[in-house]
PDB file of all heavy atoms in Angstrom:
ATOM      1  N   GLY A   1      61.471 222.885 204.358  1.00  0.00           N
ATOM      2  CA  GLY A   1      61.743 223.042 205.776  1.00  0.00           C
ATOM      3  C   GLY A   1      61.629 221.789 206.598  1.00  0.00           C
ATOM      4  O   GLY A   1      61.448 221.852 207.811  1.00  0.00           O
ATOM      5  N   THR A   2      61.727 220.625 205.959  1.00  0.00           N
ATOM      6  CA  THR A   2      61.623 219.354 206.681  1.00  0.00           C
ATOM      7  C   THR A   2      62.962 218.634 206.624  1.00  0.00           C
ATOM      8  O   THR A   2      63.335 218.071 205.601  1.00  0.00           O
ATOM      9  CB  THR A   2      60.519 218.463 206.081  1.00  0.00           C
ATOM     10  OG1 THR A   2      59.287 219.183 206.072  1.00  0.00           O
ATOM     11  CG2 THR A   2      60.347 217.192 206.882  1.00  0.00           C
ATOM     12  N   SER A   3      63.686 218.679 207.718  1.00  0.00           N
ATOM     13  CA  SER A   3      65.025 218.092 207.750  1.00  0.00           C
ATOM     14  C   SER A   3      64.955 216.586 207.980  1.00  0.00           C
ATOM     15  O   SER A   3      64.025 216.085 208.619  1.00  0.00           O
ATOM     16  CB  SER A   3      65.856 218.736 208.857  1.00  0.00           C
ATOM     17  OG  SER A   3      67.184 218.249 208.845  1.00  0.00           O
ATOM     18  N   GLY A   4      65.931 215.896 207.466  1.00  0.00           N
ATOM     19  CA  GLY A   4      66.003 214.448 207.654  1.00  0.00           C
ATOM     20  C   GLY A   4      67.437 213.983 207.740  1.00  0.00           C
ATOM     21  O   GLY A   4      68.374 214.695 207.361  1.00  0.00           O
ATOM     22  N   VAL A   5      67.614 212.796 208.261  1.00  0.00           N
ATOM     23  CA  VAL A   5      68.953 212.194 208.336  1.00  0.00           C
ATOM     24  C   VAL A   5      68.796 210.687 208.234  1.00  0.00           C
ATOM     25  O   VAL A   5      67.806 210.123 208.715  1.00  0.00           O
ATOM     26  CB  VAL A   5      69.676 212.586 209.646  1.00  0.00           C
ATOM     27  CG1 VAL A   5      68.937 212.066 210.871  1.00  0.00           C
ATOM     28  CG2 VAL A   5      71.120 212.097 209.643  1.00  0.00           C
ATOM     29  N   GLY A   6      69.733 210.052 207.568  1.00  0.00           N
ATOM     30  CA  GLY A   6      69.648 208.600 207.429  1.00  0.00           C
ATOM     31  C   GLY A   6      70.955 208.005 206.965  1.00  0.00           C
ATOM     32  O   GLY A   6      71.925 208.719 206.671  1.00  0.00           O
ATOM     33  N   PHE A   7      70.952 206.676 206.888  1.00  0.00           N
ATOM     34  CA  PHE A   7      72.146 205.978 206.418  1.00  0.00           C
ATOM     35  C   PHE A   7      71.728 204.656 205.812  1.00  0.00           C
ATOM     36  O   PHE A   7      70.566 204.241 205.907  1.00  0.00           O
ATOM     37  CB  PHE A   7      73.138 205.761 207.562  1.00  0.00           C
ATOM     38  CG  PHE A   7      72.760 204.656 208.520  1.00  0.00           C
ATOM     39  CD1 PHE A   7      73.519 203.496 208.602  1.00  0.00           C
ATOM     40  CD2 PHE A   7      71.643 204.769 209.350  1.00  0.00           C
ATOM     41  CE1 PHE A   7      73.176 202.473 209.481  1.00  0.00           C
ATOM     42  CE2 PHE A   7      71.303 203.766 210.229  1.00  0.00           C
ATOM     43  CZ  PHE A   7      72.068 202.611 210.295  1.00  0.00           C
ATOM     44  N   SER A   8      72.663 204.001 205.175  1.00  0.00           N
ATOM     45  CA  SER A   8      72.344 202.775 204.451  1.00  0.00           C
ATOM     46  C   SER A   8      73.475 201.768 204.581  1.00  0.00           C
ATOM     47  O   SER A   8      74.652 202.133 204.578  1.00  0.00           O
ATOM     48  CB  SER A   8      72.118 203.112 202.971  1.00  0.00           C
ATOM     49  OG  SER A   8      71.910 201.944 202.218  1.00  0.00           O
ATOM     50  N   PHE A   9      73.102 200.486 204.690  1.00  0.00           N
ATOM     51  CA  PHE A   9      74.053 199.375 204.590  1.00  0.00           C
ATOM     52  C   PHE A   9      73.959 198.776 203.196  1.00  0.00           C
ATOM     53  O   PHE A   9      72.860 198.619 202.652  1.00  0.00           O
ATOM     54  CB  PHE A   9      73.732 198.272 205.598  1.00  0.00           C
ATOM     55  CG  PHE A   9      74.008 198.614 207.027  1.00  0.00           C
ATOM     56  CD1 PHE A   9      72.962 198.820 207.918  1.00  0.00           C
ATOM     57  CD2 PHE A   9      75.302 198.725 207.497  1.00  0.00           C
ATOM     58  CE1 PHE A   9      73.196 199.130 209.246  1.00  0.00           C
ATOM     59  CE2 PHE A   9      75.557 199.044 208.832  1.00  0.00           C
ATOM     60  CZ  PHE A   9      74.505 199.244 209.691  1.00  0.00           C
ATOM     61  N   GLY A  10      75.084 198.415 202.616  1.00  0.00           N
ATOM     62  CA  GLY A  10      75.100 197.683 201.358  1.00  0.00           C
ATOM     63  C   GLY A  10      75.209 196.189 201.633  1.00  0.00           C
ATOM     64  O   GLY A  10      76.247 195.705 202.091  1.00  0.00           O
ATOM     65  N   ILE A  11      74.121 195.457 201.399  1.00  0.00           N
ATOM     66  CA  ILE A  11      74.079 194.029 201.720  1.00  0.00           C
ATOM     67  C   ILE A  11      75.165 193.256 200.982  1.00  0.00           C
ATOM     68  O   ILE A  11      75.856 192.404 201.559  1.00  0.00           O
ATOM     69  CB  ILE A  11      72.695 193.439 201.373  1.00  0.00           C
ATOM     70  CG1 ILE A  11      71.619 194.068 202.266  1.00  0.00           C
ATOM     71  CG2 ILE A  11      72.687 191.916 201.546  1.00  0.00           C
ATOM     72  CD1 ILE A  11      71.829 193.820 203.724  1.00  0.00           C
ATOM     73  N   ASP A  12      75.331 193.537 199.704  1.00  0.00           N
ATOM     74  CA  ASP A  12      76.271 192.762 198.893  1.00  0.00           C
ATOM     75  C   ASP A  12      77.710 192.967 199.341  1.00  0.00           C
ATOM     76  O   ASP A  12      78.508 192.024 199.356  1.00  0.00           O
ATOM     77  CB  ASP A  12      76.100 193.130 197.420  1.00  0.00           C
ATOM     78  CG  ASP A  12      74.672 192.887 196.942  1.00  0.00           C
ATOM     79  OD1 ASP A  12      73.842 193.796 197.085  1.00  0.00           O
ATOM     80  OD2 ASP A  12      74.387 191.778 196.459  1.00  0.00           O
ATOM     81  N   ARG A  13      78.041 194.190 199.714  1.00  0.00           N
ATOM     82  CA  ARG A  13      79.403 194.449 200.199  1.00  0.00           C
ATOM     83  C   ARG A  13      79.630 193.832 201.575  1.00  0.00           C
ATOM     84  O   ARG A  13      80.716 193.328 201.869  1.00  0.00           O
ATOM     85  CB  ARG A  13      79.675 195.948 200.227  1.00  0.00           C
ATOM     86  CG  ARG A  13      79.868 196.539 198.831  1.00  0.00           C
ATOM     87  CD  ARG A  13      80.431 197.937 198.884  1.00  0.00           C
ATOM     88  NE  ARG A  13      80.794 198.420 197.560  1.00  0.00           N
ATOM     89  CZ  ARG A  13      81.446 199.547 197.320  1.00  0.00           C
ATOM     90  NH1 ARG A  13      81.798 200.315 198.339  1.00  0.00           N
ATOM     91  NH2 ARG A  13      81.745 199.910 196.090  1.00  0.00           N
ATOM     92  N   LEU A  14      78.614 193.882 202.435  1.00  0.00           N
ATOM     93  CA  LEU A  14      78.736 193.222 203.736  1.00  0.00           C
ATOM     94  C   LEU A  14      78.947 191.722 203.551  1.00  0.00           C
ATOM     95  O   LEU A  14      79.755 191.101 204.260  1.00  0.00           O
ATOM     96  CB  LEU A  14      77.488 193.478 204.579  1.00  0.00           C
ATOM     97  CG  LEU A  14      77.358 194.857 205.223  1.00  0.00           C
ATOM     98  CD1 LEU A  14      76.005 194.990 205.911  1.00  0.00           C
ATOM     99  CD2 LEU A  14      78.484 195.097 206.223  1.00  0.00           C
ATOM    100  N   TYR A  15      78.220 191.144 202.601  1.00  0.00           N
ATOM    101  CA  TYR A  15      78.363 189.713 202.307  1.00  0.00           C
ATOM    102  C   TYR A  15      79.805 189.402 201.910  1.00  0.00           C
ATOM    103  O   TYR A  15      80.418 188.457 202.429  1.00  0.00           O
ATOM    104  CB  TYR A  15      77.406 189.335 201.170  1.00  0.00           C
ATOM    105  CG  TYR A  15      77.384 187.859 200.830  1.00  0.00           C
ATOM    106  CD1 TYR A  15      76.320 187.055 201.233  1.00  0.00           C
ATOM    107  CD2 TYR A  15      78.421 187.262 200.106  1.00  0.00           C
ATOM    108  CE1 TYR A  15      76.295 185.701 200.928  1.00  0.00           C
ATOM    109  CE2 TYR A  15      78.396 185.914 199.799  1.00  0.00           C
ATOM    110  CZ  TYR A  15      77.328 185.142 200.209  1.00  0.00           C
ATOM    111  OH  TYR A  15      77.301 183.799 199.902  1.00  0.00           O
ATOM    112  N   ASP A  16      80.356 190.209 201.001  1.00  0.00           N
ATOM    113  CA  ASP A  16      81.731 189.978 200.541  1.00  0.00           C
ATOM    114  C   ASP A  16      82.731 190.097 201.690  1.00  0.00           C
ATOM    115  O   ASP A  16      83.704 189.335 201.771  1.00  0.00           O
ATOM    116  CB  ASP A  16      82.093 190.963 199.427  1.00  0.00           C
ATOM    117  CG  ASP A  16      81.347 190.677 198.127  1.00  0.00           C
ATOM    118  OD1 ASP A  16      80.816 189.552 197.989  1.00  0.00           O
ATOM    119  OD2 ASP A  16      81.297 191.565 197.259  1.00  0.00           O
ATOM    120  N   CYS A  17      82.511 191.063 202.583  1.00  0.00           N
ATOM    121  CA  CYS A  17      83.421 191.243 203.718  1.00  0.00           C
ATOM    122  C   CYS A  17      83.337 190.072 204.692  1.00  0.00           C
ATOM    123  O   CYS A  17      84.368 189.580 205.179  1.00  0.00           O
ATOM    124  CB  CYS A  17      83.102 192.552 204.445  1.00  0.00           C
ATOM    125  SG  CYS A  17      83.526 194.040 203.520  1.00  0.00           S
ATOM    126  N   LEU A  18      82.130 189.630 205.005  1.00  0.00           N
ATOM    127  CA  LEU A  18      81.962 188.481 205.901  1.00  0.00           C
ATOM    128  C   LEU A  18      82.619 187.241 205.318  1.00  0.00           C
ATOM    129  O   LEU A  18      83.243 186.451 206.041  1.00  0.00           O
ATOM    130  CB  LEU A  18      80.470 188.224 206.151  1.00  0.00           C
ATOM    131  CG  LEU A  18      79.759 189.200 207.081  1.00  0.00           C
ATOM    132  CD1 LEU A  18      78.254 189.061 206.959  1.00  0.00           C
ATOM    133  CD2 LEU A  18      80.192 188.982 208.526  1.00  0.00           C
ATOM    134  N   GLU A  19      82.492 187.065 204.016  1.00  0.00           N
ATOM    135  CA  GLU A  19      83.085 185.901 203.364  1.00  0.00           C
ATOM    136  C   GLU A  19      84.597 186.004 203.356  1.00  0.00           C
ATOM    137  O   GLU A  19      85.306 185.025 203.638  1.00  0.00           O
ATOM    138  CB  GLU A  19      82.546 185.801 201.936  1.00  0.00           C
ATOM    139  CG  GLU A  19      82.842 184.473 201.255  1.00  0.00           C
ATOM    140  CD  GLU A  19      82.054 184.321 199.965  1.00  0.00           C
ATOM    141  OE1 GLU A  19      82.115 185.238 199.121  1.00  0.00           O
ATOM    142  OE2 GLU A  19      81.368 183.294 199.808  1.00  0.00           O
ATOM    143  N   GLU A  20      85.114 187.199 203.069  1.00  0.00           N
ATOM    144  CA  GLU A  20      86.568 187.382 203.021  1.00  0.00           C
ATOM    145  C   GLU A  20      87.203 187.168 204.389  1.00  0.00           C
ATOM    146  O   GLU A  20      88.303 186.620 204.503  1.00  0.00           O
ATOM    147  CB  GLU A  20      86.881 188.798 202.513  1.00  0.00           C
ATOM    148  CG  GLU A  20      88.358 189.059 202.291  1.00  0.00           C
ATOM    149  CD  GLU A  20      88.628 190.389 201.606  1.00  0.00           C
ATOM    150  OE1 GLU A  20      87.722 190.902 200.901  1.00  0.00           O
ATOM    151  OE2 GLU A  20      89.744 190.925 201.765  1.00  0.00           O
ATOM    152  N   LEU A  21      86.505 187.579 205.450  1.00  0.00           N
ATOM    153  CA  LEU A  21      87.031 187.427 206.811  1.00  0.00           C
ATOM    154  C   LEU A  21      86.591 186.114 207.466  1.00  0.00           C
ATOM    155  O   LEU A  21      86.902 185.873 208.629  1.00  0.00           O
ATOM    156  CB  LEU A  21      86.579 188.604 207.677  1.00  0.00           C
ATOM    157  CG  LEU A  21      87.112 189.992 207.256  1.00  0.00           C
ATOM    158  CD1 LEU A  21      86.451 191.085 208.077  1.00  0.00           C
ATOM    159  CD2 LEU A  21      88.626 190.042 207.392  1.00  0.00           C
ATOM    160  N   ASN A  22      85.833 185.293 206.710  1.00  0.00           N
ATOM    161  CA  ASN A  22      85.378 183.994 207.209  1.00  0.00           C
ATOM    162  C   ASN A  22      84.588 184.148 208.518  1.00  0.00           C
ATOM    163  O   ASN A  22      84.808 183.426 209.491  1.00  0.00           O
ATOM    164  CB  ASN A  22      86.573 183.047 207.427  1.00  0.00           C
ATOM    165  CG  ASN A  22      86.142 181.598 207.554  1.00  0.00           C
ATOM    166  OD1 ASN A  22      85.116 181.203 207.004  1.00  0.00           O
ATOM    167  ND2 ASN A  22      86.909 180.817 208.287  1.00  0.00           N
ATOM    168  N   LEU A  23      83.621 185.083 208.509  1.00  0.00           N
ATOM    169  CA  LEU A  23      82.848 185.379 209.710  1.00  0.00           C
ATOM    170  C   LEU A  23      81.436 184.814 209.682  1.00  0.00           C
ATOM    171  O   LEU A  23      80.684 184.987 210.655  1.00  0.00           O
ATOM    172  CB  LEU A  23      82.769 186.899 209.917  1.00  0.00           C
ATOM    173  CG  LEU A  23      84.079 187.594 210.316  1.00  0.00           C
ATOM    174  CD1 LEU A  23      83.862 189.097 210.416  1.00  0.00           C
ATOM    175  CD2 LEU A  23      84.621 187.037 211.626  1.00  0.00           C
ATOM    176  N   PHE A  24      81.067 184.148 208.607  1.00  0.00           N
ATOM    177  CA  PHE A  24      79.724 183.561 208.576  1.00  0.00           C
ATOM    178  C   PHE A  24      79.628 182.424 209.583  1.00  0.00           C
ATOM    179  O   PHE A  24      80.495 181.543 209.632  1.00  0.00           O
ATOM    180  CB  PHE A  24      79.385 183.038 207.180  1.00  0.00           C
ATOM    181  CG  PHE A  24      78.880 184.095 206.242  1.00  0.00           C
ATOM    182  CD1 PHE A  24      79.616 184.459 205.137  1.00  0.00           C
ATOM    183  CD2 PHE A  24      77.658 184.730 206.479  1.00  0.00           C
ATOM    184  CE1 PHE A  24      79.151 185.441 204.261  1.00  0.00           C
ATOM    185  CE2 PHE A  24      77.192 185.703 205.616  1.00  0.00           C
ATOM    186  CZ  PHE A  24      77.944 186.058 204.506  1.00  0.00           C
ATOM    187  N   LYS A  25      78.589 182.444 210.382  1.00  0.00           N
ATOM    188  CA  LYS A  25      78.370 181.383 211.361  1.00  0.00           C
ATOM    189  C   LYS A  25      77.680 180.205 210.685  1.00  0.00           C
ATOM    190  O   LYS A  25      76.935 180.372 209.734  1.00  0.00           O
ATOM    191  CB  LYS A  25      77.511 181.899 212.523  1.00  0.00           C
ATOM    192  CG  LYS A  25      78.136 183.077 213.259  1.00  0.00           C
ATOM    193  CD  LYS A  25      77.182 183.626 214.313  1.00  0.00           C
ATOM    194  CE  LYS A  25      77.768 184.845 215.004  1.00  0.00           C
ATOM    195  NZ  LYS A  25      76.828 185.435 215.989  1.00  0.00           N
ATOM    196  N   GLU A  26      77.931 179.022 211.213  1.00  0.00           N
ATOM    197  CA  GLU A  26      77.350 177.819 210.612  1.00  0.00           C
ATOM    198  C   GLU A  26      75.830 177.869 210.635  1.00  0.00           C
ATOM    199  O   GLU A  26      75.164 177.437 209.701  1.00  0.00           O
ATOM    200  CB  GLU A  26      77.839 176.567 211.347  1.00  0.00           C
ATOM    201  CG  GLU A  26      79.308 176.247 211.081  1.00  0.00           C
ATOM    202  CD  GLU A  26      79.708 174.923 211.699  1.00  0.00           C
ATOM    203  OE1 GLU A  26      78.818 174.235 212.235  1.00  0.00           O
ATOM    204  OE2 GLU A  26      80.897 174.578 211.644  1.00  0.00           O
ATOM    205  N   ASN A  27      75.265 178.437 211.700  1.00  0.00           N
ATOM    206  CA  ASN A  27      73.807 178.411 211.808  1.00  0.00           C
ATOM    207  C   ASN A  27      73.120 179.349 210.829  1.00  0.00           C
ATOM    208  O   ASN A  27      71.913 179.342 210.690  1.00  0.00           O
ATOM    209  CB  ASN A  27      73.348 178.725 213.240  1.00  0.00           C
ATOM    210  CG  ASN A  27      73.799 180.103 213.703  1.00  0.00           C
ATOM    211  OD1 ASN A  27      74.347 180.888 212.944  1.00  0.00           O
ATOM    212  ND2 ASN A  27      73.561 180.385 214.985  1.00  0.00           N
ATOM    213  N   THR A  28      73.905 180.212 210.158  1.00  0.00           N
ATOM    214  CA  THR A  28      73.285 181.080 209.153  1.00  0.00           C
ATOM    215  C   THR A  28      72.834 180.273 207.946  1.00  0.00           C
ATOM    216  O   THR A  28      72.050 180.751 207.136  1.00  0.00           O
ATOM    217  CB  THR A  28      74.266 182.166 208.684  1.00  0.00           C
ATOM    218  OG1 THR A  28      75.395 181.554 208.046  1.00  0.00           O
ATOM    219  CG2 THR A  28      74.737 183.009 209.849  1.00  0.00           C
ATOM    220  N   GLN A  29      73.363 179.054 207.803  1.00  0.00           N
ATOM    221  CA  GLN A  29      73.007 178.222 206.661  1.00  0.00           C
ATOM    222  C   GLN A  29      71.985 177.153 207.040  1.00  0.00           C
ATOM    223  O   GLN A  29      71.692 176.264 206.262  1.00  0.00           O
ATOM    224  CB  GLN A  29      74.262 177.555 206.106  1.00  0.00           C
ATOM    225  CG  GLN A  29      75.350 178.536 205.702  1.00  0.00           C
ATOM    226  CD  GLN A  29      76.656 177.828 205.420  1.00  0.00           C
ATOM    227  OE1 GLN A  29      76.685 176.800 204.757  1.00  0.00           O
ATOM    228  NE2 GLN A  29      77.746 178.371 205.918  1.00  0.00           N
ATOM    229  N   THR A  30      71.448 177.219 208.252  1.00  0.00           N
ATOM    230  CA  THR A  30      70.530 176.209 208.738  1.00  0.00           C
ATOM    231  C   THR A  30      69.091 176.648 208.535  1.00  0.00           C
ATOM    232  O   THR A  30      68.696 177.725 208.964  1.00  0.00           O
ATOM    233  CB  THR A  30      70.773 175.938 210.236  1.00  0.00           C
ATOM    234  OG1 THR A  30      72.110 175.468 210.396  1.00  0.00           O
ATOM    235  CG2 THR A  30      69.805 174.898 210.752  1.00  0.00           C
ATOM    236  N   PHE A  31      68.315 175.788 207.867  1.00  0.00           N
ATOM    237  CA  PHE A  31      66.899 176.074 207.694  1.00  0.00           C
ATOM    238  C   PHE A  31      66.085 175.231 208.673  1.00  0.00           C
ATOM    239  O   PHE A  31      65.149 175.717 209.284  1.00  0.00           O
ATOM    240  CB  PHE A  31      66.454 175.770 206.255  1.00  0.00           C
ATOM    241  CG  PHE A  31      67.052 176.715 205.251  1.00  0.00           C
ATOM    242  CD1 PHE A  31      68.202 176.382 204.564  1.00  0.00           C
ATOM    243  CD2 PHE A  31      66.460 177.937 205.011  1.00  0.00           C
ATOM    244  CE1 PHE A  31      68.742 177.259 203.640  1.00  0.00           C
ATOM    245  CE2 PHE A  31      66.998 178.821 204.088  1.00  0.00           C
ATOM    246  CZ  PHE A  31      68.151 178.484 203.401  1.00  0.00           C
ATOM    247  N   SER A  32      66.430 173.983 208.809  1.00  0.00           N
ATOM    248  CA  SER A  32      65.694 173.081 209.692  1.00  0.00           C
ATOM    249  C   SER A  32      66.511 172.778 210.932  1.00  0.00           C
ATOM    250  O   SER A  32      67.735 172.625 210.865  1.00  0.00           O
ATOM    251  CB  SER A  32      65.364 171.768 208.969  1.00  0.00           C
ATOM    252  OG  SER A  32      64.518 172.009 207.869  1.00  0.00           O
ATOM    253  N   GLN A  33      65.827 172.677 212.071  1.00  0.00           N
ATOM    254  CA  GLN A  33      66.493 172.309 213.309  1.00  0.00           C
ATOM    255  C   GLN A  33      66.619 170.786 213.450  1.00  0.00           C
ATOM    256  O   GLN A  33      67.533 170.306 214.108  1.00  0.00           O
ATOM    257  CB  GLN A  33      65.713 172.858 214.512  1.00  0.00           C
ATOM    258  CG  GLN A  33      65.732 174.363 214.625  1.00  0.00           C
ATOM    259  CD  GLN A  33      64.818 174.832 215.747  1.00  0.00           C
ATOM    260  OE1 GLN A  33      63.680 175.183 215.518  1.00  0.00           O
ATOM    261  NE2 GLN A  33      65.321 174.812 216.979  1.00  0.00           N
ATOM    262  N   ALA A  34      65.667 170.074 212.840  1.00  0.00           N
ATOM    263  CA  ALA A  34      65.673 168.620 213.022  1.00  0.00           C
ATOM    264  C   ALA A  34      65.170 167.913 211.767  1.00  0.00           C
ATOM    265  O   ALA A  34      64.282 168.423 211.078  1.00  0.00           O
ATOM    266  CB  ALA A  34      64.813 168.228 214.227  1.00  0.00           C
ATOM    267  N   LEU A  35      65.759 166.747 211.500  1.00  0.00           N
ATOM    268  CA  LEU A  35      65.312 165.886 210.408  1.00  0.00           C
ATOM    269  C   LEU A  35      64.836 164.562 211.003  1.00  0.00           C
ATOM    270  O   LEU A  35      65.556 163.931 211.789  1.00  0.00           O
ATOM    271  CB  LEU A  35      66.441 165.627 209.416  1.00  0.00           C
ATOM    272  CG  LEU A  35      66.148 164.576 208.342  1.00  0.00           C
ATOM    273  CD1 LEU A  35      65.153 165.131 207.318  1.00  0.00           C
ATOM    274  CD2 LEU A  35      67.426 164.100 207.654  1.00  0.00           C
ATOM    275  N   ILE A  36      63.639 164.142 210.632  1.00  0.00           N
ATOM    276  CA  ILE A  36      63.131 162.844 211.083  1.00  0.00           C
ATOM    277  C   ILE A  36      63.630 161.767 210.117  1.00  0.00           C
ATOM    278  O   ILE A  36      63.378 161.836 208.907  1.00  0.00           O
ATOM    279  CB  ILE A  36      61.594 162.857 211.148  1.00  0.00           C
ATOM    280  CG1 ILE A  36      61.141 163.844 212.228  1.00  0.00           C
ATOM    281  CG2 ILE A  36      61.045 161.457 211.438  1.00  0.00           C
ATOM    282  CD1 ILE A  36      59.638 163.985 212.333  1.00  0.00           C
ATOM    283  N   VAL A  37      64.318 160.803 210.688  1.00  0.00           N
ATOM    284  CA  VAL A  37      64.898 159.692 209.919  1.00  0.00           C
ATOM    285  C   VAL A  37      64.085 158.430 210.228  1.00  0.00           C
ATOM    286  O   VAL A  37      63.727 158.173 211.382  1.00  0.00           O
ATOM    287  CB  VAL A  37      66.376 159.492 210.309  1.00  0.00           C
ATOM    288  CG1 VAL A  37      66.967 158.271 209.601  1.00  0.00           C
ATOM    289  CG2 VAL A  37      67.184 160.758 209.971  1.00  0.00           C
ATOM    290  N   HIS A  38      63.797 157.587 209.244  1.00  0.00           N
ATOM    291  CA  HIS A  38      62.922 156.439 209.444  1.00  0.00           C
ATOM    292  C   HIS A  38      63.481 155.197 208.728  1.00  0.00           C
ATOM    293  O   HIS A  38      64.308 155.304 207.811  1.00  0.00           O
ATOM    294  CB  HIS A  38      61.520 156.762 208.928  1.00  0.00           C
ATOM    295  CG  HIS A  38      61.530 157.386 207.552  1.00  0.00           C
ATOM    296  ND1 HIS A  38      61.584 156.647 206.398  1.00  0.00           N
ATOM    297  CD2 HIS A  38      61.521 158.700 207.181  1.00  0.00           C
ATOM    298  CE1 HIS A  38      61.589 157.469 205.357  1.00  0.00           C
ATOM    299  NE2 HIS A  38      61.557 158.724 205.812  1.00  0.00           N
ATOM    300  N   PHE A  39      62.997 153.996 209.169  1.00  0.00           N
ATOM    301  CA  PHE A  39      63.485 152.731 208.624  1.00  0.00           C
ATOM    302  C   PHE A  39      62.607 152.188 207.504  1.00  0.00           C
ATOM    303  O   PHE A  39      63.095 151.540 206.581  1.00  0.00           O
ATOM    304  CB  PHE A  39      63.571 151.681 209.744  1.00  0.00           C
ATOM    305  CG  PHE A  39      64.743 151.886 210.662  1.00  0.00           C
ATOM    306  CD1 PHE A  39      64.630 152.701 211.780  1.00  0.00           C
ATOM    307  CD2 PHE A  39      65.956 151.259 210.407  1.00  0.00           C
ATOM    308  CE1 PHE A  39      65.705 152.887 212.628  1.00  0.00           C
ATOM    309  CE2 PHE A  39      67.040 151.446 211.261  1.00  0.00           C
ATOM    310  CZ  PHE A  39      66.920 152.268 212.372  1.00  0.00           C
ATOM    311  N   ASP A  40      61.300 152.402 207.610  1.00  0.00           N
ATOM    312  CA  ASP A  40      60.380 151.790 206.648  1.00  0.00           C
ATOM    313  C   ASP A  40      59.130 152.656 206.520  1.00  0.00           C
ATOM    314  O   ASP A  40      59.038 153.746 207.111  1.00  0.00           O
ATOM    315  CB  ASP A  40      60.021 150.370 207.082  1.00  0.00           C
ATOM    316  CG  ASP A  40      59.562 150.307 208.530  1.00  0.00           C
ATOM    317  OD1 ASP A  40      58.921 151.295 208.989  1.00  0.00           O
ATOM    318  OD2 ASP A  40      59.828 149.297 209.202  1.00  0.00           O
ATOM    319  N   GLU A  41      58.155 152.156 205.791  1.00  0.00           N
ATOM    320  CA  GLU A  41      56.948 152.940 205.535  1.00  0.00           C
ATOM    321  C   GLU A  41      56.148 153.187 206.806  1.00  0.00           C
ATOM    322  O   GLU A  41      55.614 154.277 207.018  1.00  0.00           O
ATOM    323  CB  GLU A  41      56.069 152.223 204.496  1.00  0.00           C
ATOM    324  CG  GLU A  41      54.871 153.055 204.046  1.00  0.00           C
ATOM    325  CD  GLU A  41      54.103 152.392 202.917  1.00  0.00           C
ATOM    326  OE1 GLU A  41      54.621 151.428 202.320  1.00  0.00           O
ATOM    327  OE2 GLU A  41      52.972 152.856 202.638  1.00  0.00           O
ATOM    328  N   ASP A  42      56.059 152.170 207.707  1.00  0.00           N
ATOM    329  CA  ASP A  42      55.303 152.352 208.949  1.00  0.00           C
ATOM    330  C   ASP A  42      55.947 153.441 209.825  1.00  0.00           C
ATOM    331  O   ASP A  42      55.243 154.283 210.392  1.00  0.00           O
ATOM    332  CB  ASP A  42      55.239 151.031 209.721  1.00  0.00           C
ATOM    333  CG  ASP A  42      54.329 150.021 209.033  1.00  0.00           C
ATOM    334  OD1 ASP A  42      53.462 150.458 208.232  1.00  0.00           O
ATOM    335  OD2 ASP A  42      54.485 148.804 209.286  1.00  0.00           O
TER     336      ASP A  42
END
């Protein structure tokens, strides 16, 4: 007597669709916001 309702997304299929439609944003591949660049040891 306990009713329920739900749904599910398939991650792998969503990935394939985003790739096929070229909808991935550039920032989805970004891990770091900034890189420190230096000239020497000091």
